[in-house]
Each structure stands twice: as C-alpha cells, then as structure tokens.
Amino acid sequence: MLTSTYTLVALAVEQTALRTALHALGQEVGALPDAAVLAPGRAAQLCTHLRQVYDSCHWRKLDKFLLPALRRTDAAVDALLRELESLSGAAADAMAMAEECVAGAERVVRAGFAHAVARCIEALRRRLEREEKELFPLARTVVGGDAWFSIAHQMLAHDAYTKERRSKVRGTGSGSPMRFDPRRFDPSAADVMCRQPALSSAH
C-alpha cells in the first residue's frame, strides 16, 4: 500500500535523525574531561542538547499521527505502547537527574552526571529499536487503508505547514532561517487541511 509505505519511510527518516543525534550525544559524554568534577557551563550545555533530543523524540510525527491510530486496535499493540511509554518515562527520569546535577551547582560531579545522561540516551535508543523492530511491523498489520490515508494526509499537511513557516521566516530578512519548533505546531491547522475519517483500524 503506497500510503503505508510513504508513512513508514517518512517515520524512518525521523528515526535516522534521532539515532544520529543520540550518537552525537554519546560522543559528547565520552569527550567529557576525565576529572572528578566538571565545569557547570559544560555540563549545562550537554543538558541542553539532551533536552533538545528528548523533546524531538516527543514531538515526532510518529507520536502525533501514528500512535493515535494504533491505540486500542489490538491488545499486543496496547501492551507495546505501554512499554514504549515506560522507556520514555525512564529517559525523562534520567534527564531530570542530569539537570538536577547541574542546577545551581558550582561544580558538577562527573560520575553521577555522566551516568544520568548515559541512562537517558540508552532508554531513548531502546525505544527507537523497539519501534523499528516491533511497532512498525504491528502497524502494517493492524492499521487499515483509510487510516493510513488519513495519517499520510496529516503528515503532508504538517510538512506543508513547516515549509510555509520557513518561507515566512526567510521573507523577514532576519538572517538564517529559524528551525521549525514542533512544540509550536498547531494540530488543528492540519485537521482543517485534511479533514479525513477518524483514525481507526480497518480490517
């Protein structure tokens, strides 16, 4: 089915980008000075990068468009979604620990901070792997044709919104284009552009 193939390929592109970002974060952790304590500024910078990657995971097209179509379609899917949410929760807890190490500190203990960042990275990596190996194959099985069409249409609307926003930013002449911030995306804009049947499983 063309729409399901388009959707899964588009999601795979996001997966690849996140894997690259997580790999870069892992390299940053490995490059931390081999000392008992770290400069707060360096640790805070790494925390900022970690937060950006975590937020990117949360605001993916997968979360916005595919997961709503999968919920309550199959018991195995629901169980897997709970496990994926658990991994996201573990990543959030680890990130909070890393940020707590940095908050207001004059010196940051390297061991505890690096361990927290590494735990967050690992939880996100495990989520990506399970999505690719388990969630995507299940999606092909339980999501019906109408739902795939609706998902693809919403994703195209999302991309059109993003392109239009970037064009407007370029038109201001304020310098380099501002990156699209998915946290500012209004899903209702996509809904108006692509009002389709409710996402549901069609067997």
Protein backbone atom coordinates (compact mmCIF):
# COMPACT_ATOMS: atom_id res chain seq x y z
CA MET A 1 0.00 0.00 0.00
CA LEU A 2 1.53 3.27 -1.13
CA THR A 3 0.24 5.38 1.74
CA SER A 4 1.54 3.00 4.41
CA THR A 5 4.91 2.79 2.63
CA TYR A 6 5.16 6.58 2.39
CA THR A 7 4.28 6.96 6.07
CA LEU A 8 6.73 4.37 7.33
CA VAL A 9 9.53 5.72 5.13
CA ALA A 10 8.91 9.25 6.44
CA LEU A 11 8.98 7.94 10.01
CA ALA A 12 12.19 6.03 9.29
CA VAL A 13 13.83 9.31 8.26
CA GLU A 14 12.95 10.72 11.67
CA GLN A 15 14.34 7.60 13.34
CA THR A 16 17.64 8.02 11.50
CA ALA A 17 17.92 11.67 12.50
CA LEU A 18 17.32 10.80 16.15
CA ARG A 19 19.83 7.97 16.08
CA THR A 20 22.41 10.39 14.71
CA ALA A 21 21.61 12.91 17.46
CA LEU A 22 21.84 10.24 20.16
CA HIS A 23 25.18 9.06 18.78
CA ALA A 24 26.49 12.63 18.88
CA LEU A 25 25.33 12.95 22.49
CA GLY A 26 27.11 9.73 23.38
CA GLN A 27 30.29 11.13 21.87
CA GLU A 28 29.86 14.31 23.91
CA VAL A 29 29.60 12.26 27.09
CA GLY A 30 32.70 10.30 26.14
CA ALA A 31 34.59 13.54 25.49
CA LEU A 32 33.91 14.96 28.96
CA PRO A 33 37.12 15.78 30.86
CA ASP A 34 38.49 12.84 32.81
CA ALA A 35 38.15 14.55 36.16
CA ALA A 36 36.10 14.13 39.33
CA VAL A 37 34.19 17.35 38.73
CA LEU A 38 33.01 19.27 35.66
CA ALA A 39 32.57 22.94 34.95
CA PRO A 40 28.86 23.77 35.34
CA GLY A 41 28.79 25.55 31.97
CA ARG A 42 29.97 22.46 30.08
CA ALA A 43 27.53 20.21 31.89
CA ALA A 44 24.67 22.67 31.33
CA GLN A 45 25.45 22.78 27.60
CA LEU A 46 25.26 18.99 27.42
CA CYS A 47 21.98 19.05 29.35
CA THR A 48 20.57 21.49 26.83
CA HIS A 49 21.49 19.17 23.97
CA LEU A 50 19.95 16.25 25.84
CA ARG A 51 16.71 18.15 26.39
CA GLN A 52 16.55 19.08 22.70
CA VAL A 53 16.91 15.46 21.62
CA TYR A 54 14.38 14.27 24.18
CA ASP A 55 11.87 16.89 23.01
CA SER A 56 12.50 15.87 19.40
CA CYS A 57 11.58 12.31 20.37
CA HIS A 58 8.38 13.52 21.98
CA TRP A 59 7.30 15.69 19.04
CA ARG A 60 7.86 13.25 16.22
CA LYS A 61 5.31 12.52 13.52
CA LEU A 62 5.14 9.04 14.99
CA ASP A 63 3.75 10.40 18.25
CA LYS A 64 1.45 12.92 16.57
CA PHE A 65 -0.06 10.83 13.83
CA LEU A 66 0.72 7.10 14.00
CA LEU A 67 0.29 6.32 17.70
CA PRO A 68 -3.26 7.74 17.90
CA ALA A 69 -4.22 5.38 15.06
CA LEU A 70 -2.74 2.41 16.90
CA ARG A 71 -4.29 2.90 20.32
CA ARG A 72 -6.94 0.34 21.27
CA THR A 73 -6.64 -1.52 17.97
CA ASP A 74 -5.03 -4.63 19.39
CA ALA A 75 -4.05 -5.95 22.83
CA ALA A 76 -0.46 -6.59 21.72
CA VAL A 77 -0.20 -3.03 20.41
CA ASP A 78 -1.54 -1.56 23.64
CA ALA A 79 0.96 -3.61 25.66
CA LEU A 80 3.82 -2.47 23.44
CA LEU A 81 2.75 1.17 23.66
CA ARG A 82 2.79 0.94 27.46
CA GLU A 83 6.33 -0.45 27.33
CA LEU A 84 7.43 2.32 24.97
CA GLU A 85 5.92 4.91 27.32
CA SER A 86 7.82 3.28 30.17
CA LEU A 87 11.07 3.74 28.26
CA SER A 88 10.20 7.39 27.66
CA GLY A 89 9.49 7.74 31.37
CA ALA A 90 12.87 6.22 32.22
CA ALA A 91 14.54 8.67 29.83
CA ALA A 92 12.67 11.59 31.43
CA ASP A 93 13.70 10.48 34.93
CA ALA A 94 17.34 10.19 33.88
CA MET A 95 17.25 13.58 32.20
CA ALA A 96 15.76 15.12 35.35
CA MET A 97 18.62 13.61 37.36
CA ALA A 98 21.17 15.10 34.96
CA GLU A 99 19.52 18.52 35.17
CA GLU A 100 19.41 18.27 38.96
CA CYS A 101 23.17 17.63 39.00
CA VAL A 102 23.67 20.92 37.15
CA ALA A 103 21.05 23.17 38.74
CA GLY A 104 22.70 25.79 40.90
CA ALA A 105 25.89 23.77 41.25
CA GLU A 106 29.30 25.41 41.37
CA ARG A 107 30.88 22.07 40.50
CA VAL A 108 29.25 19.06 38.87
CA VAL A 109 30.25 15.56 39.94
CA ARG A 110 31.24 13.88 36.70
CA ALA A 111 30.35 10.28 37.56
CA GLY A 112 26.75 10.92 38.58
CA PHE A 113 26.10 13.39 35.79
CA ALA A 114 27.58 11.23 33.03
CA HIS A 115 25.70 8.20 34.32
CA ALA A 116 22.38 10.05 34.22
CA VAL A 117 22.98 11.31 30.67
CA ALA A 118 24.04 7.84 29.51
CA ARG A 119 20.89 6.31 31.04
CA CYS A 120 18.71 8.80 29.18
CA ILE A 121 20.45 8.11 25.89
CA GLU A 122 20.17 4.35 26.36
CA ALA A 123 16.45 4.50 27.17
CA LEU A 124 15.76 6.55 24.05
CA ARG A 125 17.85 4.20 21.93
CA ARG A 126 15.94 1.20 23.25
CA ARG A 127 12.66 2.91 22.42
CA LEU A 128 13.77 3.59 18.85
CA GLU A 129 14.88 -0.02 18.42
CA ARG A 130 11.59 -1.42 19.67
CA GLU A 131 9.64 0.96 17.46
CA GLU A 132 11.55 -0.22 14.41
CA LYS A 133 11.58 -3.94 15.22
CA GLU A 134 8.14 -4.32 16.81
CA LEU A 135 5.89 -1.26 16.40
CA PHE A 136 6.26 -0.72 12.65
CA PRO A 137 5.55 -4.38 11.75
CA LEU A 138 2.49 -4.35 14.02
CA ALA A 139 1.29 -1.12 12.43
CA ARG A 140 1.35 -2.72 8.99
CA THR A 141 -0.90 -5.44 10.35
CA VAL A 142 -3.50 -3.56 12.39
CA VAL A 143 -3.87 -0.18 10.63
CA GLY A 144 -6.34 -0.21 7.76
CA GLY A 145 -6.23 1.56 4.41
CA ASP A 146 -8.43 4.52 5.34
CA ALA A 147 -6.38 5.17 8.46
CA TRP A 148 -3.09 5.04 6.51
CA PHE A 149 -4.53 7.54 4.05
CA SER A 150 -5.52 9.86 6.89
CA ILE A 151 -2.13 9.56 8.57
CA ALA A 152 -0.28 10.28 5.32
CA HIS A 153 -2.56 13.25 4.61
CA GLN A 154 -1.93 14.75 8.05
CA MET A 155 1.81 14.27 7.68
CA LEU A 156 1.75 16.03 4.31
CA ALA A 157 -0.23 18.88 5.88
CA HIS A 158 2.35 19.06 8.65
CA ASP A 159 5.16 19.27 6.10
CA ALA A 160 3.29 21.97 4.16
CA TYR A 161 2.81 23.98 7.34
CA THR A 162 6.51 23.62 8.17
CA LYS A 163 7.57 24.70 4.65
CA GLU A 164 5.25 27.70 4.74
CA ARG A 165 6.54 28.76 8.14
CA ARG A 166 10.15 28.53 6.99
CA SER A 167 9.33 30.56 3.87
CA LYS A 168 7.80 33.30 6.00
CA VAL A 169 10.86 33.38 8.24
CA ARG A 170 13.13 33.71 5.21
CA GLY A 171 10.93 36.53 3.95
CA THR A 172 11.59 38.61 7.06
CA GLY A 173 15.20 39.08 6.03
CA SER A 174 16.29 38.40 9.58
CA GLY A 175 19.20 36.22 8.58
CA SER A 176 19.40 32.44 8.58
CA PRO A 177 16.07 30.57 8.66
CA MET A 178 14.76 29.66 12.08
CA ARG A 179 14.33 25.95 12.68
CA PHE A 180 10.77 24.73 12.89
CA ASP A 181 9.77 24.23 16.50
CA PRO A 182 7.30 21.31 16.66
CA ARG A 183 6.12 22.50 20.05
CA ARG A 184 4.53 25.46 18.27
CA PHE A 185 2.78 23.36 15.66
CA ASP A 186 -0.98 23.67 15.86
CA PRO A 187 -2.50 20.26 15.02
CA SER A 188 -5.81 21.96 14.27
CA ALA A 189 -4.20 23.51 11.20
CA ALA A 190 -3.56 20.05 9.83
CA ASP A 191 -7.03 18.92 10.80
CA VAL A 192 -8.60 21.73 8.76
CA MET A 193 -6.44 20.99 5.75
CA CYS A 194 -7.02 17.26 5.77
CA ARG A 195 -10.31 16.53 7.46
CA GLN A 196 -10.48 12.77 6.96
CA PRO A 197 -12.33 9.93 8.69
CA ALA A 198 -11.21 9.32 12.25
CA LEU A 199 -8.04 7.27 12.58
CA SER A 200 -9.13 3.76 13.20
CA SER A 201 -8.23 0.21 12.36
CA ALA A 202 -9.88 -1.11 9.24
CA HIS A 203 -9.62 -4.85 8.86
